[in-house]
Amino acid sequence: MGGVLEFAVLGLLHESPLHGYELRKRLNLMLGHFRAFSYGSLYPCLNRMEQHGWITKDAAGVVGPGRRAKVVYKLTAEGKEHFQELLAEGGPSQWEDETFGVHFAFFAQTDAHTRIRILEGRRNRLEERSAGFRAGLTRTREKLDNYTLALQEHGLESVEREVRWLNELIASERTKQA
């Protein structure tokens, strides 16, 4: 998850400097609560990114007696460059369940050619998964109880629904390019 978290943090800091609490809040809002990020994963990631020179941190002033100053994280020029490199990647790692949603969240900043490559790659990956689901159901349908069968069918329907959605997005992207 380090690469996904790193990419998401770079993208959010590209929009504006943020302190840790606000950064975590926006990560959870952007990526959904099904994928909550803990401070235990966020702060080590921020420290690694600072060591790479992609971000800097500044204390945002004294808050009061007994309270620490908020640390505000900002993207450096190297961080902006690294984020642009990550945005331009459109290969197989961006098609996976773990990374697709994060890249999709920053599609507005991604060039059209890369967006289409990622969408088509994701669609192909899901079509392969759908074929596997179908083959598995065909082989094991009579061996499954009704609940397991319903769960398998639900999984297949979910994949097919995402493929339809991706087809619509790809068509829309191609229309914009025409």
N, C-alpha and C. Protein backbone atom coordinates (compact mmCIF):
# COMPACT_ATOMS: atom_id res chain seq x y z
N MET A 1 0.83 -1.20 0.00
CA MET A 1 0.00 0.00 0.00
C MET A 1 0.86 1.25 0.00
N GLY A 2 2.16 1.15 0.28
CA GLY A 2 3.02 2.31 0.35
C GLY A 2 2.99 3.15 -0.90
N GLY A 3 3.06 2.51 -2.08
CA GLY A 3 3.05 3.25 -3.33
C GLY A 3 1.73 3.96 -3.57
N VAL A 4 0.64 3.30 -3.21
CA VAL A 4 -0.69 3.89 -3.38
C VAL A 4 -0.85 5.08 -2.45
N LEU A 5 -0.45 4.91 -1.21
CA LEU A 5 -0.55 5.99 -0.24
C LEU A 5 0.34 7.16 -0.64
N GLU A 6 1.54 6.85 -1.07
CA GLU A 6 2.48 7.88 -1.51
C GLU A 6 1.90 8.68 -2.67
N PHE A 7 1.35 7.99 -3.65
CA PHE A 7 0.74 8.65 -4.81
C PHE A 7 -0.41 9.56 -4.38
N ALA A 8 -1.27 9.04 -3.50
CA ALA A 8 -2.42 9.82 -3.03
C ALA A 8 -1.97 11.06 -2.26
N VAL A 9 -0.96 10.91 -1.41
CA VAL A 9 -0.45 12.05 -0.64
C VAL A 9 0.15 13.09 -1.57
N LEU A 10 0.94 12.65 -2.53
CA LEU A 10 1.52 13.59 -3.49
C LEU A 10 0.41 14.35 -4.23
N GLY A 11 -0.64 13.63 -4.63
CA GLY A 11 -1.74 14.27 -5.35
C GLY A 11 -2.46 15.29 -4.51
N LEU A 12 -2.71 14.97 -3.26
CA LEU A 12 -3.40 15.93 -2.38
C LEU A 12 -2.53 17.13 -2.07
N LEU A 13 -1.24 16.88 -1.84
CA LEU A 13 -0.34 18.01 -1.56
C LEU A 13 -0.08 18.83 -2.81
N HIS A 14 -0.28 18.25 -3.99
CA HIS A 14 -0.16 19.00 -5.23
C HIS A 14 -1.25 20.07 -5.29
N GLU A 15 -2.40 19.76 -4.69
CA GLU A 15 -3.52 20.71 -4.67
C GLU A 15 -3.28 21.83 -3.66
N SER A 16 -2.74 21.49 -2.47
CA SER A 16 -2.47 22.51 -1.45
C SER A 16 -1.69 21.89 -0.30
N PRO A 17 -0.94 22.71 0.45
CA PRO A 17 -0.25 22.20 1.65
C PRO A 17 -1.30 21.78 2.69
N LEU A 18 -0.98 20.73 3.45
CA LEU A 18 -1.92 20.21 4.44
C LEU A 18 -1.18 19.72 5.67
N HIS A 19 -1.85 19.75 6.81
CA HIS A 19 -1.28 19.13 8.01
C HIS A 19 -1.77 17.69 8.07
N GLY A 20 -1.15 16.88 8.91
CA GLY A 20 -1.41 15.44 8.95
C GLY A 20 -2.86 15.07 9.15
N TYR A 21 -3.54 15.72 10.09
CA TYR A 21 -4.94 15.40 10.35
C TYR A 21 -5.80 15.66 9.11
N GLU A 22 -5.61 16.82 8.49
CA GLU A 22 -6.39 17.17 7.31
C GLU A 22 -6.04 16.25 6.15
N LEU A 23 -4.79 15.90 6.03
CA LEU A 23 -4.35 14.98 4.98
C LEU A 23 -5.04 13.62 5.13
N ARG A 24 -5.04 13.08 6.33
CA ARG A 24 -5.69 11.79 6.59
C ARG A 24 -7.19 11.89 6.32
N LYS A 25 -7.80 12.98 6.74
CA LYS A 25 -9.23 13.19 6.53
C LYS A 25 -9.56 13.21 5.03
N ARG A 26 -8.76 13.91 4.25
CA ARG A 26 -8.99 13.99 2.80
C ARG A 26 -8.71 12.66 2.10
N LEU A 27 -7.70 11.94 2.58
CA LEU A 27 -7.43 10.61 2.03
C LEU A 27 -8.64 9.70 2.22
N ASN A 28 -9.17 9.71 3.42
CA ASN A 28 -10.34 8.87 3.72
C ASN A 28 -11.57 9.32 2.94
N LEU A 29 -11.74 10.62 2.77
CA LEU A 29 -12.86 11.15 2.01
C LEU A 29 -12.73 10.79 0.53
N MET A 30 -11.53 10.98 -0.01
CA MET A 30 -11.28 10.74 -1.42
C MET A 30 -11.36 9.26 -1.77
N LEU A 31 -10.79 8.44 -0.93
CA LEU A 31 -10.68 7.02 -1.25
C LEU A 31 -11.75 6.17 -0.59
N GLY A 32 -12.56 6.77 0.23
CA GLY A 32 -13.64 6.04 0.86
C GLY A 32 -13.23 5.43 2.19
N HIS A 33 -14.21 5.23 3.03
CA HIS A 33 -13.94 4.72 4.36
C HIS A 33 -13.65 3.22 4.36
N PHE A 34 -13.85 2.57 3.22
CA PHE A 34 -13.50 1.15 3.14
C PHE A 34 -11.99 0.98 3.08
N ARG A 35 -11.30 2.07 2.86
CA ARG A 35 -9.87 2.03 2.71
C ARG A 35 -9.24 3.08 3.61
N ALA A 36 -9.59 3.04 4.86
CA ALA A 36 -9.12 4.05 5.81
C ALA A 36 -7.62 3.92 6.03
N PHE A 37 -6.97 5.06 6.12
CA PHE A 37 -5.54 5.11 6.38
C PHE A 37 -5.31 5.52 7.82
N SER A 38 -4.48 4.78 8.50
CA SER A 38 -4.17 5.10 9.90
C SER A 38 -2.99 6.05 9.94
N TYR A 39 -2.85 6.71 11.08
CA TYR A 39 -1.68 7.55 11.28
C TYR A 39 -0.42 6.68 11.29
N GLY A 40 -0.56 5.41 11.69
CA GLY A 40 0.56 4.49 11.73
C GLY A 40 1.12 4.17 10.35
N SER A 41 0.34 4.36 9.31
CA SER A 41 0.85 4.19 7.96
C SER A 41 1.14 5.54 7.30
N LEU A 42 0.39 6.58 7.67
CA LEU A 42 0.56 7.89 7.05
C LEU A 42 1.89 8.54 7.44
N TYR A 43 2.20 8.61 8.73
CA TYR A 43 3.40 9.34 9.14
C TYR A 43 4.70 8.69 8.69
N PRO A 44 4.83 7.36 8.71
CA PRO A 44 6.05 6.77 8.13
C PRO A 44 6.17 7.08 6.63
N CYS A 45 5.04 7.10 5.94
CA CYS A 45 5.05 7.45 4.52
C CYS A 45 5.51 8.89 4.34
N LEU A 46 4.99 9.80 5.15
CA LEU A 46 5.41 11.21 5.06
C LEU A 46 6.91 11.35 5.35
N ASN A 47 7.40 10.61 6.34
CA ASN A 47 8.83 10.67 6.65
C ASN A 47 9.68 10.18 5.49
N ARG A 48 9.27 9.07 4.84
CA ARG A 48 10.00 8.56 3.67
C ARG A 48 9.99 9.58 2.54
N MET A 49 8.84 10.20 2.34
CA MET A 49 8.71 11.19 1.26
C MET A 49 9.59 12.41 1.54
N GLU A 50 9.70 12.78 2.81
CA GLU A 50 10.57 13.90 3.17
C GLU A 50 12.03 13.52 2.93
N GLN A 51 12.40 12.30 3.26
CA GLN A 51 13.77 11.84 3.03
C GLN A 51 14.12 11.82 1.54
N HIS A 52 13.13 11.52 0.70
CA HIS A 52 13.35 11.54 -0.75
C HIS A 52 13.41 12.97 -1.30
N GLY A 53 13.01 13.94 -0.49
CA GLY A 53 13.02 15.33 -0.94
C GLY A 53 11.76 15.73 -1.68
N TRP A 54 10.70 14.93 -1.58
CA TRP A 54 9.46 15.24 -2.30
C TRP A 54 8.55 16.18 -1.54
N ILE A 55 8.70 16.22 -0.21
CA ILE A 55 7.90 17.12 0.60
C ILE A 55 8.78 17.79 1.65
N THR A 56 8.28 18.88 2.18
CA THR A 56 8.91 19.53 3.33
C THR A 56 7.82 19.71 4.38
N LYS A 57 8.26 19.93 5.60
CA LYS A 57 7.28 20.18 6.65
C LYS A 57 7.66 21.44 7.40
N ASP A 58 6.64 22.20 7.76
CA ASP A 58 6.81 23.45 8.50
C ASP A 58 5.84 23.43 9.67
N ALA A 59 6.30 23.90 10.83
CA ALA A 59 5.41 24.05 11.97
C ALA A 59 4.52 25.26 11.71
N ALA A 60 3.24 25.10 11.95
CA ALA A 60 2.28 26.17 11.64
C ALA A 60 2.00 27.03 12.86
N GLY A 61 2.98 27.24 13.69
CA GLY A 61 2.79 28.13 14.84
C GLY A 61 2.39 27.39 16.10
N VAL A 62 2.52 28.07 17.21
CA VAL A 62 2.18 27.48 18.49
C VAL A 62 0.68 27.54 18.67
N VAL A 63 0.09 26.43 19.09
CA VAL A 63 -1.36 26.34 19.21
C VAL A 63 -1.81 26.75 20.60
N GLY A 64 -1.02 26.49 21.62
CA GLY A 64 -1.41 26.84 22.97
C GLY A 64 -0.61 26.04 23.98
N PRO A 65 -0.77 26.34 25.27
CA PRO A 65 -0.01 25.62 26.28
C PRO A 65 -0.33 24.12 26.26
N GLY A 66 0.71 23.32 26.24
CA GLY A 66 0.54 21.88 26.27
C GLY A 66 0.13 21.27 24.94
N ARG A 67 -0.03 22.07 23.92
CA ARG A 67 -0.42 21.55 22.60
C ARG A 67 0.70 21.80 21.62
N ARG A 68 0.92 20.82 20.77
CA ARG A 68 1.97 20.95 19.78
C ARG A 68 1.51 21.79 18.59
N ALA A 69 2.47 22.37 17.93
CA ALA A 69 2.17 23.10 16.71
C ALA A 69 1.82 22.10 15.62
N LYS A 70 0.91 22.46 14.75
CA LYS A 70 0.56 21.60 13.63
C LYS A 70 1.67 21.67 12.60
N VAL A 71 2.03 20.52 12.08
CA VAL A 71 3.04 20.45 11.05
C VAL A 71 2.33 20.44 9.70
N VAL A 72 2.71 21.37 8.84
CA VAL A 72 2.10 21.48 7.52
C VAL A 72 3.08 20.90 6.50
N TYR A 73 2.57 20.00 5.67
CA TYR A 73 3.38 19.35 4.64
C TYR A 73 3.15 20.04 3.31
N LYS A 74 4.26 20.28 2.59
CA LYS A 74 4.20 20.96 1.29
C LYS A 74 4.99 20.15 0.29
N LEU A 75 4.55 20.20 -0.95
CA LEU A 75 5.23 19.53 -2.04
C LEU A 75 6.42 20.36 -2.49
N THR A 76 7.55 19.72 -2.73
CA THR A 76 8.73 20.40 -3.28
C THR A 76 8.66 20.31 -4.81
N ALA A 77 9.59 20.98 -5.47
CA ALA A 77 9.68 20.88 -6.93
C ALA A 77 9.93 19.44 -7.34
N GLU A 78 10.79 18.73 -6.58
CA GLU A 78 11.06 17.32 -6.88
C GLU A 78 9.80 16.48 -6.67
N GLY A 79 9.02 16.83 -5.66
CA GLY A 79 7.76 16.12 -5.41
C GLY A 79 6.77 16.32 -6.53
N LYS A 80 6.69 17.55 -7.05
CA LYS A 80 5.79 17.83 -8.17
C LYS A 80 6.21 17.03 -9.40
N GLU A 81 7.52 16.99 -9.62
CA GLU A 81 8.04 16.24 -10.76
C GLU A 81 7.75 14.74 -10.61
N HIS A 82 7.96 14.23 -9.41
CA HIS A 82 7.70 12.81 -9.16
C HIS A 82 6.22 12.50 -9.34
N PHE A 83 5.34 13.37 -8.87
CA PHE A 83 3.91 13.18 -9.03
C PHE A 83 3.54 13.15 -10.51
N GLN A 84 4.11 14.04 -11.31
CA GLN A 84 3.83 14.06 -12.75
C GLN A 84 4.29 12.75 -13.41
N GLU A 85 5.43 12.22 -12.96
CA GLU A 85 5.90 10.94 -13.49
C GLU A 85 4.92 9.82 -13.14
N LEU A 86 4.43 9.83 -11.92
CA LEU A 86 3.48 8.80 -11.50
C LEU A 86 2.16 8.93 -12.25
N LEU A 87 1.73 10.16 -12.51
CA LEU A 87 0.49 10.38 -13.27
C LEU A 87 0.62 9.81 -14.68
N ALA A 88 1.81 9.88 -15.26
CA ALA A 88 2.02 9.45 -16.63
C ALA A 88 2.09 7.93 -16.77
N GLU A 89 2.24 7.21 -15.65
CA GLU A 89 2.29 5.76 -15.73
C GLU A 89 0.91 5.22 -16.06
N GLY A 90 0.84 4.31 -16.99
CA GLY A 90 -0.44 3.74 -17.37
C GLY A 90 -0.37 2.24 -17.54
N GLY A 91 0.59 1.62 -16.90
CA GLY A 91 0.81 0.19 -17.08
C GLY A 91 -0.01 -0.68 -16.16
N PRO A 92 0.29 -1.97 -16.16
CA PRO A 92 -0.51 -2.97 -15.44
C PRO A 92 -0.72 -2.69 -13.96
N SER A 93 0.21 -2.06 -13.30
CA SER A 93 0.01 -1.83 -11.86
C SER A 93 -1.15 -0.85 -11.61
N GLN A 94 -1.48 0.00 -12.57
CA GLN A 94 -2.59 0.94 -12.40
C GLN A 94 -3.94 0.30 -12.69
N TRP A 95 -3.95 -0.93 -13.16
CA TRP A 95 -5.21 -1.60 -13.51
C TRP A 95 -5.74 -2.42 -12.35
N GLU A 96 -4.94 -2.60 -11.33
CA GLU A 96 -5.30 -3.48 -10.22
C GLU A 96 -6.27 -2.81 -9.25
N ASP A 97 -6.97 -3.63 -8.48
CA ASP A 97 -7.95 -3.14 -7.51
C ASP A 97 -7.32 -2.15 -6.54
N GLU A 98 -6.12 -2.43 -6.07
CA GLU A 98 -5.46 -1.60 -5.06
C GLU A 98 -5.10 -0.20 -5.57
N THR A 99 -4.79 -0.07 -6.84
CA THR A 99 -4.27 1.20 -7.35
C THR A 99 -5.22 1.96 -8.28
N PHE A 100 -6.14 1.25 -8.90
CA PHE A 100 -6.98 1.91 -9.90
C PHE A 100 -7.75 3.10 -9.34
N GLY A 101 -8.40 2.90 -8.20
CA GLY A 101 -9.21 3.97 -7.62
C GLY A 101 -8.41 5.22 -7.29
N VAL A 102 -7.18 5.04 -6.82
CA VAL A 102 -6.34 6.20 -6.49
C VAL A 102 -5.97 6.95 -7.76
N HIS A 103 -5.57 6.22 -8.80
CA HIS A 103 -5.24 6.89 -10.06
C HIS A 103 -6.47 7.56 -10.65
N PHE A 104 -7.60 6.90 -10.55
CA PHE A 104 -8.84 7.48 -11.08
C PHE A 104 -9.18 8.78 -10.36
N ALA A 105 -8.90 8.85 -9.08
CA ALA A 105 -9.19 10.06 -8.29
C ALA A 105 -8.42 11.27 -8.82
N PHE A 106 -7.30 11.02 -9.51
CA PHE A 106 -6.48 12.12 -10.05
C PHE A 106 -6.53 12.18 -11.58
N PHE A 107 -7.57 11.60 -12.17
CA PHE A 107 -7.69 11.61 -13.63
C PHE A 107 -7.79 13.02 -14.20
N ALA A 108 -8.32 13.97 -13.45
CA ALA A 108 -8.43 15.34 -13.97
C ALA A 108 -7.05 15.93 -14.26
N GLN A 109 -6.02 15.41 -13.58
CA GLN A 109 -4.66 15.90 -13.78
C GLN A 109 -3.84 14.99 -14.70
N THR A 110 -4.46 13.93 -15.21
CA THR A 110 -3.80 12.94 -16.05
C THR A 110 -4.11 13.23 -17.51
N ASP A 111 -3.12 13.06 -18.41
CA ASP A 111 -3.39 13.33 -19.82
C ASP A 111 -4.33 12.27 -20.40
N ALA A 112 -5.03 12.65 -21.46
CA ALA A 112 -6.09 11.82 -22.04
C ALA A 112 -5.58 10.47 -22.50
N HIS A 113 -4.42 10.44 -23.13
CA HIS A 113 -3.87 9.17 -23.64
C HIS A 113 -3.63 8.19 -22.48
N THR A 114 -3.10 8.67 -21.39
CA THR A 114 -2.84 7.82 -20.22
C THR A 114 -4.15 7.38 -19.59
N ARG A 115 -5.12 8.28 -19.51
CA ARG A 115 -6.43 7.91 -18.96
C ARG A 115 -7.03 6.74 -19.74
N ILE A 116 -7.02 6.85 -21.06
CA ILE A 116 -7.60 5.79 -21.89
C ILE A 116 -6.82 4.48 -21.71
N ARG A 117 -5.50 4.56 -21.66
CA ARG A 117 -4.68 3.36 -21.47
C ARG A 117 -5.02 2.67 -20.15
N ILE A 118 -5.19 3.46 -19.09
CA ILE A 118 -5.54 2.88 -17.78
C ILE A 118 -6.95 2.29 -17.81
N LEU A 119 -7.89 3.01 -18.38
CA LEU A 119 -9.27 2.52 -18.45
C LEU A 119 -9.36 1.23 -19.26
N GLU A 120 -8.68 1.19 -20.40
CA GLU A 120 -8.71 -0.02 -21.23
C GLU A 120 -8.01 -1.19 -20.53
N GLY A 121 -6.91 -0.90 -19.87
CA GLY A 121 -6.21 -1.95 -19.13
C GLY A 121 -7.06 -2.51 -18.01
N ARG A 122 -7.73 -1.63 -17.28
CA ARG A 122 -8.62 -2.05 -16.20
C ARG A 122 -9.76 -2.90 -16.76
N ARG A 123 -10.34 -2.45 -17.87
CA ARG A 123 -11.43 -3.20 -18.48
C ARG A 123 -10.95 -4.60 -18.89
N ASN A 124 -9.80 -4.69 -19.52
CA ASN A 124 -9.26 -5.99 -19.93
C ASN A 124 -9.03 -6.89 -18.73
N ARG A 125 -8.49 -6.32 -17.66
CA ARG A 125 -8.24 -7.10 -16.44
C ARG A 125 -9.56 -7.64 -15.89
N LEU A 126 -10.60 -6.81 -15.89
CA LEU A 126 -11.89 -7.24 -15.37
C LEU A 126 -12.58 -8.24 -16.29
N GLU A 127 -12.39 -8.10 -17.59
CA GLU A 127 -12.96 -9.09 -18.52
C GLU A 127 -12.32 -10.46 -18.30
N GLU A 128 -11.02 -10.47 -18.01
CA GLU A 128 -10.34 -11.74 -17.69
C GLU A 128 -10.92 -12.32 -16.40
N ARG A 129 -11.13 -11.47 -15.41
CA ARG A 129 -11.71 -11.91 -14.15
C ARG A 129 -13.13 -12.46 -14.36
N SER A 130 -13.90 -11.78 -15.18
CA SER A 130 -15.27 -12.21 -15.48
C SER A 130 -15.26 -13.59 -16.14
N ALA A 131 -14.36 -13.80 -17.08
CA ALA A 131 -14.26 -15.10 -17.74
C ALA A 131 -13.91 -16.19 -16.73
N GLY A 132 -13.03 -15.87 -15.79
CA GLY A 132 -12.67 -16.82 -14.74
C GLY A 132 -13.85 -17.15 -13.84
N PHE A 133 -14.63 -16.11 -13.47
CA PHE A 133 -15.83 -16.32 -12.66
C PHE A 133 -16.81 -17.24 -13.39
N ARG A 134 -17.03 -16.95 -14.68
CA ARG A 134 -17.98 -17.75 -15.47
C ARG A 134 -17.53 -19.22 -15.54
N ALA A 135 -16.26 -19.41 -15.82
CA ALA A 135 -15.73 -20.78 -15.93
C ALA A 135 -15.87 -21.50 -14.59
N GLY A 136 -15.56 -20.81 -13.51
CA GLY A 136 -15.69 -21.40 -12.19
C GLY A 136 -17.12 -21.75 -11.84
N LEU A 137 -18.04 -20.87 -12.18
CA LEU A 137 -19.46 -21.14 -11.92
C LEU A 137 -19.96 -22.33 -12.73
N THR A 138 -19.52 -22.41 -13.97
CA THR A 138 -19.94 -23.51 -14.82
C THR A 138 -19.48 -24.85 -14.24
N ARG A 139 -18.25 -24.90 -13.74
CA ARG A 139 -17.70 -26.14 -13.19
C ARG A 139 -18.30 -26.53 -11.85
N THR A 140 -18.62 -25.52 -11.04
CA THR A 140 -18.98 -25.83 -9.64
C THR A 140 -20.42 -25.50 -9.26
N ARG A 141 -21.21 -25.02 -10.19
CA ARG A 141 -22.57 -24.57 -9.87
C ARG A 141 -23.37 -25.60 -9.07
N GLU A 142 -23.35 -26.85 -9.51
CA GLU A 142 -24.16 -27.87 -8.84
C GLU A 142 -23.59 -28.28 -7.49
N LYS A 143 -22.36 -27.93 -7.20
CA LYS A 143 -21.74 -28.28 -5.93
C LYS A 143 -21.92 -27.20 -4.86
N LEU A 144 -22.38 -26.04 -5.27
CA LEU A 144 -22.49 -24.90 -4.35
C LEU A 144 -23.86 -24.84 -3.70
N ASP A 145 -23.88 -24.42 -2.44
CA ASP A 145 -25.18 -24.16 -1.81
C ASP A 145 -25.72 -22.84 -2.35
N ASN A 146 -26.98 -22.56 -2.09
CA ASN A 146 -27.63 -21.37 -2.66
C ASN A 146 -26.95 -20.07 -2.25
N TYR A 147 -26.43 -19.99 -1.04
CA TYR A 147 -25.80 -18.75 -0.57
C TYR A 147 -24.45 -18.53 -1.24
N THR A 148 -23.67 -19.57 -1.34
CA THR A 148 -22.37 -19.45 -2.00
C THR A 148 -22.57 -19.13 -3.48
N LEU A 149 -23.55 -19.78 -4.09
CA LEU A 149 -23.86 -19.50 -5.49
C LEU A 149 -24.30 -18.05 -5.66
N ALA A 150 -25.14 -17.55 -4.77
CA ALA A 150 -25.59 -16.15 -4.84
C ALA A 150 -24.41 -15.20 -4.69
N LEU A 151 -23.48 -15.52 -3.81
CA LEU A 151 -22.29 -14.69 -3.63
C LEU A 151 -21.43 -14.68 -4.89
N GLN A 152 -21.25 -15.83 -5.51
CA GLN A 152 -20.48 -15.92 -6.75
C GLN A 152 -21.16 -15.12 -7.87
N GLU A 153 -22.46 -15.24 -7.97
CA GLU A 153 -23.19 -14.49 -9.00
C GLU A 153 -23.12 -12.99 -8.75
N HIS A 154 -23.17 -12.61 -7.48
CA HIS A 154 -23.03 -11.19 -7.13
C HIS A 154 -21.66 -10.66 -7.56
N GLY A 155 -20.63 -11.43 -7.31
CA GLY A 155 -19.29 -11.04 -7.72
C GLY A 155 -19.20 -10.86 -9.23
N LEU A 156 -19.78 -11.78 -9.97
CA LEU A 156 -19.79 -11.69 -11.42
C LEU A 156 -20.56 -10.46 -11.89
N GLU A 157 -21.72 -10.20 -11.30
CA GLU A 157 -22.51 -9.02 -11.66
C GLU A 157 -21.76 -7.73 -11.37
N SER A 158 -21.03 -7.69 -10.27
CA SER A 158 -20.25 -6.50 -9.91
C SER A 158 -19.17 -6.23 -10.94
N VAL A 159 -18.49 -7.28 -11.35
CA VAL A 159 -17.43 -7.13 -12.36
C VAL A 159 -18.04 -6.67 -13.68
N GLU A 160 -19.14 -7.28 -14.08
CA GLU A 160 -19.78 -6.90 -15.34
C GLU A 160 -20.29 -5.46 -15.31
N ARG A 161 -20.78 -5.02 -14.15
CA ARG A 161 -21.25 -3.63 -14.00
C ARG A 161 -20.07 -2.67 -14.15
N GLU A 162 -18.92 -3.00 -13.56
CA GLU A 162 -17.75 -2.13 -13.69
C GLU A 162 -17.26 -2.10 -15.13
N VAL A 163 -17.32 -3.23 -15.84
CA VAL A 163 -16.91 -3.25 -17.25
C VAL A 163 -17.81 -2.32 -18.07
N ARG A 164 -19.11 -2.35 -17.82
CA ARG A 164 -20.03 -1.44 -18.54
C ARG A 164 -19.68 0.02 -18.25
N TRP A 165 -19.40 0.32 -16.99
CA TRP A 165 -19.03 1.68 -16.59
C TRP A 165 -17.74 2.10 -17.29
N LEU A 166 -16.76 1.22 -17.33
CA LEU A 166 -15.50 1.52 -18.00
C LEU A 166 -15.71 1.75 -19.50
N ASN A 167 -16.58 0.95 -20.12
CA ASN A 167 -16.88 1.15 -21.54
C ASN A 167 -17.46 2.54 -21.79
N GLU A 168 -18.33 3.00 -20.89
CA GLU A 168 -18.91 4.34 -21.02
C GLU A 168 -17.83 5.41 -20.87
N LEU A 169 -16.94 5.23 -19.89
CA LEU A 169 -15.87 6.20 -19.70
C LEU A 169 -14.92 6.25 -20.90
N ILE A 170 -14.58 5.09 -21.43
CA ILE A 170 -13.69 5.03 -22.59
C ILE A 170 -14.34 5.71 -23.78
N ALA A 171 -15.62 5.44 -24.01
CA ALA A 171 -16.33 6.08 -25.12
C ALA A 171 -16.34 7.59 -24.93
N SER A 172 -16.57 8.05 -23.72
CA SER A 172 -16.58 9.48 -23.44
C SER A 172 -15.21 10.10 -23.68
N GLU A 173 -14.16 9.43 -23.25
CA GLU A 173 -12.80 9.94 -23.46
C GLU A 173 -12.49 10.03 -24.94
N ARG A 174 -12.90 9.04 -25.70
CA ARG A 174 -12.63 9.05 -27.15
C ARG A 174 -13.42 10.14 -27.86
N THR A 175 -14.63 10.40 -27.37
CA THR A 175 -15.45 11.48 -27.94
C THR A 175 -14.78 12.83 -27.69
N LYS A 176 -14.21 13.01 -26.51
CA LYS A 176 -13.53 14.26 -26.19
C LYS A 176 -12.31 14.47 -27.09
N GLN A 177 -11.63 13.37 -27.43
CA GLN A 177 -10.43 13.48 -28.26
C GLN A 177 -10.77 13.76 -29.73
N ALA A 178 -11.96 13.36 -30.15
CA ALA A 178 -12.34 13.50 -31.58
C ALA A 178 -12.59 14.93 -31.95
